Amino acid sequence: MAFEQRDMSGQLFKSDNEKKDYDGKAMIGGTMYWVSAWVKRREGKKTYMSLAFDPMEKQQKPEPKPEPELEDSAPF
């Protein structure tokens, strides 16, 4: 049976990347996100996890339309 990602859920795995502690993915509102997590500690406080979400398919910006070329053969 193949894994099916359910909405409003995700998973994190210990990362091999030195810049983050955990990484994974999650589906929120039908959109898939890459998830990055860092274990942090405030001075004298408990540890916590800081999370960042990045859409897997970023919205494409429309390409600007080219400017029409002007003819150099003006009569004056």
N, C-alpha and C. Protein backbone atom coordinates (compact mmCIF):
# COMPACT_ATOMS: atom_id res chain seq x y z
N MET A 1 0.84 -1.18 0.00
CA MET A 1 0.00 0.00 0.00
C MET A 1 0.89 1.24 0.00
N ALA A 2 0.64 2.15 -0.94
CA ALA A 2 1.44 3.36 -1.07
C ALA A 2 1.02 4.39 -0.02
N PHE A 3 1.98 5.19 0.42
CA PHE A 3 1.71 6.24 1.40
C PHE A 3 0.94 7.36 0.73
N GLU A 4 -0.11 7.83 1.38
CA GLU A 4 -0.89 8.96 0.88
C GLU A 4 -0.85 10.07 1.92
N GLN A 5 -0.34 11.23 1.53
CA GLN A 5 -0.26 12.36 2.44
C GLN A 5 -1.65 12.90 2.71
N ARG A 6 -2.03 13.00 3.98
CA ARG A 6 -3.33 13.56 4.36
C ARG A 6 -3.18 15.05 4.61
N ASP A 7 -4.26 15.78 4.33
CA ASP A 7 -4.26 17.23 4.55
C ASP A 7 -4.09 17.52 6.04
N MET A 8 -3.42 18.62 6.33
CA MET A 8 -3.16 19.08 7.69
C MET A 8 -2.26 18.12 8.47
N SER A 9 -1.35 17.46 7.76
CA SER A 9 -0.41 16.56 8.43
C SER A 9 0.93 16.61 7.70
N GLY A 10 1.95 16.10 8.35
CA GLY A 10 3.27 16.07 7.75
C GLY A 10 4.21 15.22 8.57
N GLN A 11 5.46 15.19 8.17
CA GLN A 11 6.46 14.42 8.88
C GLN A 11 7.81 15.13 8.82
N LEU A 12 8.59 14.95 9.87
CA LEU A 12 9.94 15.50 9.96
C LEU A 12 10.92 14.36 10.21
N PHE A 13 12.11 14.52 9.63
CA PHE A 13 13.16 13.53 9.80
C PHE A 13 14.44 14.27 10.19
N LYS A 14 15.30 13.62 10.94
CA LYS A 14 16.60 14.20 11.29
C LYS A 14 17.33 14.52 10.00
N SER A 15 17.83 15.74 9.89
CA SER A 15 18.43 16.22 8.65
C SER A 15 19.91 15.95 8.58
N ASP A 16 20.40 15.68 7.38
CA ASP A 16 21.84 15.56 7.14
C ASP A 16 22.44 16.93 6.85
N ASN A 17 21.59 17.91 6.61
CA ASN A 17 22.00 19.28 6.30
C ASN A 17 22.45 19.97 7.59
N GLU A 18 23.63 20.56 7.59
CA GLU A 18 24.16 21.20 8.79
C GLU A 18 23.41 22.48 9.16
N LYS A 19 22.66 23.06 8.21
CA LYS A 19 21.96 24.32 8.46
C LYS A 19 20.62 24.13 9.17
N LYS A 20 20.12 22.91 9.26
CA LYS A 20 18.85 22.66 9.95
C LYS A 20 18.92 21.32 10.66
N ASP A 21 18.09 21.19 11.70
CA ASP A 21 18.10 19.97 12.50
C ASP A 21 17.19 18.89 11.92
N TYR A 22 16.03 19.30 11.41
CA TYR A 22 15.05 18.37 10.86
C TYR A 22 14.51 18.94 9.56
N ASP A 23 14.10 18.05 8.66
CA ASP A 23 13.39 18.50 7.46
C ASP A 23 12.36 17.46 7.07
N GLY A 24 11.41 17.88 6.27
CA GLY A 24 10.35 16.97 5.85
C GLY A 24 9.37 17.71 4.97
N LYS A 25 8.13 17.23 4.99
CA LYS A 25 7.09 17.86 4.18
C LYS A 25 5.75 17.74 4.87
N ALA A 26 4.83 18.62 4.47
CA ALA A 26 3.50 18.64 5.06
C ALA A 26 2.50 19.13 4.01
N MET A 27 1.25 18.72 4.16
CA MET A 27 0.18 19.22 3.30
C MET A 27 -0.73 20.08 4.16
N ILE A 28 -0.92 21.32 3.73
CA ILE A 28 -1.77 22.26 4.46
C ILE A 28 -2.71 22.90 3.44
N GLY A 29 -4.00 22.71 3.64
CA GLY A 29 -4.98 23.28 2.72
C GLY A 29 -4.83 22.76 1.30
N GLY A 30 -4.39 21.52 1.15
CA GLY A 30 -4.23 20.92 -0.17
C GLY A 30 -2.94 21.29 -0.87
N THR A 31 -2.08 22.10 -0.25
CA THR A 31 -0.80 22.51 -0.83
C THR A 31 0.34 21.82 -0.10
N MET A 32 1.28 21.27 -0.85
CA MET A 32 2.43 20.61 -0.25
C MET A 32 3.52 21.63 0.06
N TYR A 33 4.14 21.49 1.25
CA TYR A 33 5.19 22.38 1.72
C TYR A 33 6.41 21.58 2.14
N TRP A 34 7.60 22.13 1.89
CA TRP A 34 8.81 21.64 2.52
C TRP A 34 8.82 22.23 3.92
N VAL A 35 9.22 21.45 4.91
CA VAL A 35 9.27 21.91 6.29
C VAL A 35 10.70 21.78 6.79
N SER A 36 11.20 22.85 7.41
CA SER A 36 12.52 22.83 8.05
C SER A 36 12.31 23.15 9.52
N ALA A 37 13.10 22.52 10.40
CA ALA A 37 12.94 22.73 11.83
C ALA A 37 14.30 22.81 12.51
N TRP A 38 14.36 23.68 13.51
CA TRP A 38 15.58 23.87 14.30
C TRP A 38 15.23 23.75 15.77
N VAL A 39 16.04 23.03 16.54
CA VAL A 39 15.84 22.93 17.98
C VAL A 39 16.55 24.12 18.60
N LYS A 40 15.82 24.91 19.39
CA LYS A 40 16.38 26.11 20.01
C LYS A 40 16.10 26.11 21.50
N ARG A 41 16.86 26.92 22.23
CA ARG A 41 16.66 27.03 23.68
C ARG A 41 16.81 28.50 24.05
N ARG A 42 15.82 29.00 24.74
CA ARG A 42 15.93 30.35 25.29
C ARG A 42 16.68 30.27 26.60
N GLU A 43 17.38 31.31 26.91
CA GLU A 43 18.18 31.32 28.12
C GLU A 43 17.32 31.02 29.35
N GLY A 44 17.65 29.95 30.06
CA GLY A 44 16.93 29.58 31.27
C GLY A 44 15.53 29.03 31.01
N LYS A 45 15.19 28.76 29.77
CA LYS A 45 13.86 28.26 29.42
C LYS A 45 13.96 26.87 28.82
N LYS A 46 12.80 26.29 28.55
CA LYS A 46 12.75 24.98 27.92
C LYS A 46 13.15 25.09 26.44
N THR A 47 13.50 23.95 25.85
CA THR A 47 13.80 23.93 24.42
C THR A 47 12.50 23.97 23.64
N TYR A 48 12.60 24.43 22.41
CA TYR A 48 11.45 24.48 21.51
C TYR A 48 11.94 24.26 20.09
N MET A 49 11.01 24.07 19.16
CA MET A 49 11.36 23.90 17.76
C MET A 49 10.84 25.10 16.97
N SER A 50 11.70 25.66 16.15
CA SER A 50 11.34 26.74 15.25
C SER A 50 11.11 26.11 13.88
N LEU A 51 9.99 26.44 13.22
CA LEU A 51 9.62 25.82 11.95
C LEU A 51 9.57 26.85 10.83
N ALA A 52 9.86 26.40 9.61
CA ALA A 52 9.71 27.21 8.41
C ALA A 52 9.04 26.35 7.35
N PHE A 53 8.10 26.96 6.62
CA PHE A 53 7.37 26.27 5.56
C PHE A 53 7.65 26.97 4.24
N ASP A 54 7.91 26.18 3.19
CA ASP A 54 8.19 26.72 1.86
C ASP A 54 7.38 25.91 0.85
N PRO A 55 6.50 26.55 0.07
CA PRO A 55 5.69 25.80 -0.88
C PRO A 55 6.58 25.01 -1.85
N MET A 56 6.20 23.76 -2.11
CA MET A 56 6.98 22.94 -3.04
C MET A 56 6.90 23.51 -4.45
N GLU A 57 5.73 23.97 -4.85
CA GLU A 57 5.56 24.58 -6.16
C GLU A 57 5.30 26.06 -5.96
N LYS A 58 6.34 26.84 -6.08
CA LYS A 58 6.19 28.29 -5.89
C LYS A 58 5.41 28.85 -7.06
N GLN A 59 4.62 29.88 -6.78
CA GLN A 59 3.84 30.49 -7.84
C GLN A 59 4.77 31.12 -8.86
N GLN A 60 4.48 30.84 -10.11
CA GLN A 60 5.30 31.38 -11.19
C GLN A 60 4.86 32.82 -11.46
N LYS A 61 5.81 33.72 -11.54
CA LYS A 61 5.50 35.10 -11.89
C LYS A 61 5.35 35.16 -13.41
N PRO A 62 4.32 35.86 -13.89
CA PRO A 62 4.19 35.95 -15.34
C PRO A 62 5.36 36.71 -15.95
N GLU A 63 5.82 36.23 -17.10
CA GLU A 63 6.94 36.89 -17.77
C GLU A 63 6.46 38.23 -18.31
N PRO A 64 7.29 39.27 -18.18
CA PRO A 64 6.88 40.58 -18.71
C PRO A 64 6.77 40.52 -20.23
N LYS A 65 5.76 41.24 -20.74
CA LYS A 65 5.58 41.28 -22.19
C LYS A 65 6.67 42.17 -22.79
N PRO A 66 7.24 41.75 -23.93
CA PRO A 66 8.29 42.57 -24.54
C PRO A 66 7.71 43.88 -25.06
N GLU A 67 8.52 44.93 -24.99
CA GLU A 67 8.12 46.25 -25.50
C GLU A 67 8.08 46.17 -27.02
N PRO A 68 7.08 46.80 -27.65
CA PRO A 68 7.06 46.79 -29.13
C PRO A 68 8.24 47.60 -29.67
N GLU A 69 8.84 47.10 -30.72
CA GLU A 69 9.99 47.79 -31.32
C GLU A 69 9.48 48.94 -32.18
N LEU A 70 10.13 50.08 -32.07
CA LEU A 70 9.78 51.25 -32.87
C LEU A 70 10.61 51.24 -34.14
N GLU A 71 9.98 51.66 -35.23
CA GLU A 71 10.69 51.72 -36.51
C GLU A 71 11.59 52.95 -36.54
N ASP A 72 12.79 52.80 -37.10
CA ASP A 72 13.73 53.91 -37.22
C ASP A 72 13.54 54.71 -38.50
N SER A 73 12.58 54.35 -39.32
CA SER A 73 12.41 55.03 -40.61
C SER A 73 11.39 56.16 -40.51
N ALA A 74 11.55 57.05 -39.55
CA ALA A 74 10.66 58.20 -39.42
C ALA A 74 10.94 59.20 -40.53
N PRO A 75 9.90 59.87 -41.08
CA PRO A 75 10.11 60.76 -42.23
C PRO A 75 10.83 62.05 -41.86
N PHE A 76 11.12 62.35 -40.65
CA PHE A 76 11.79 63.63 -40.33
C PHE A 76 13.14 63.41 -39.76
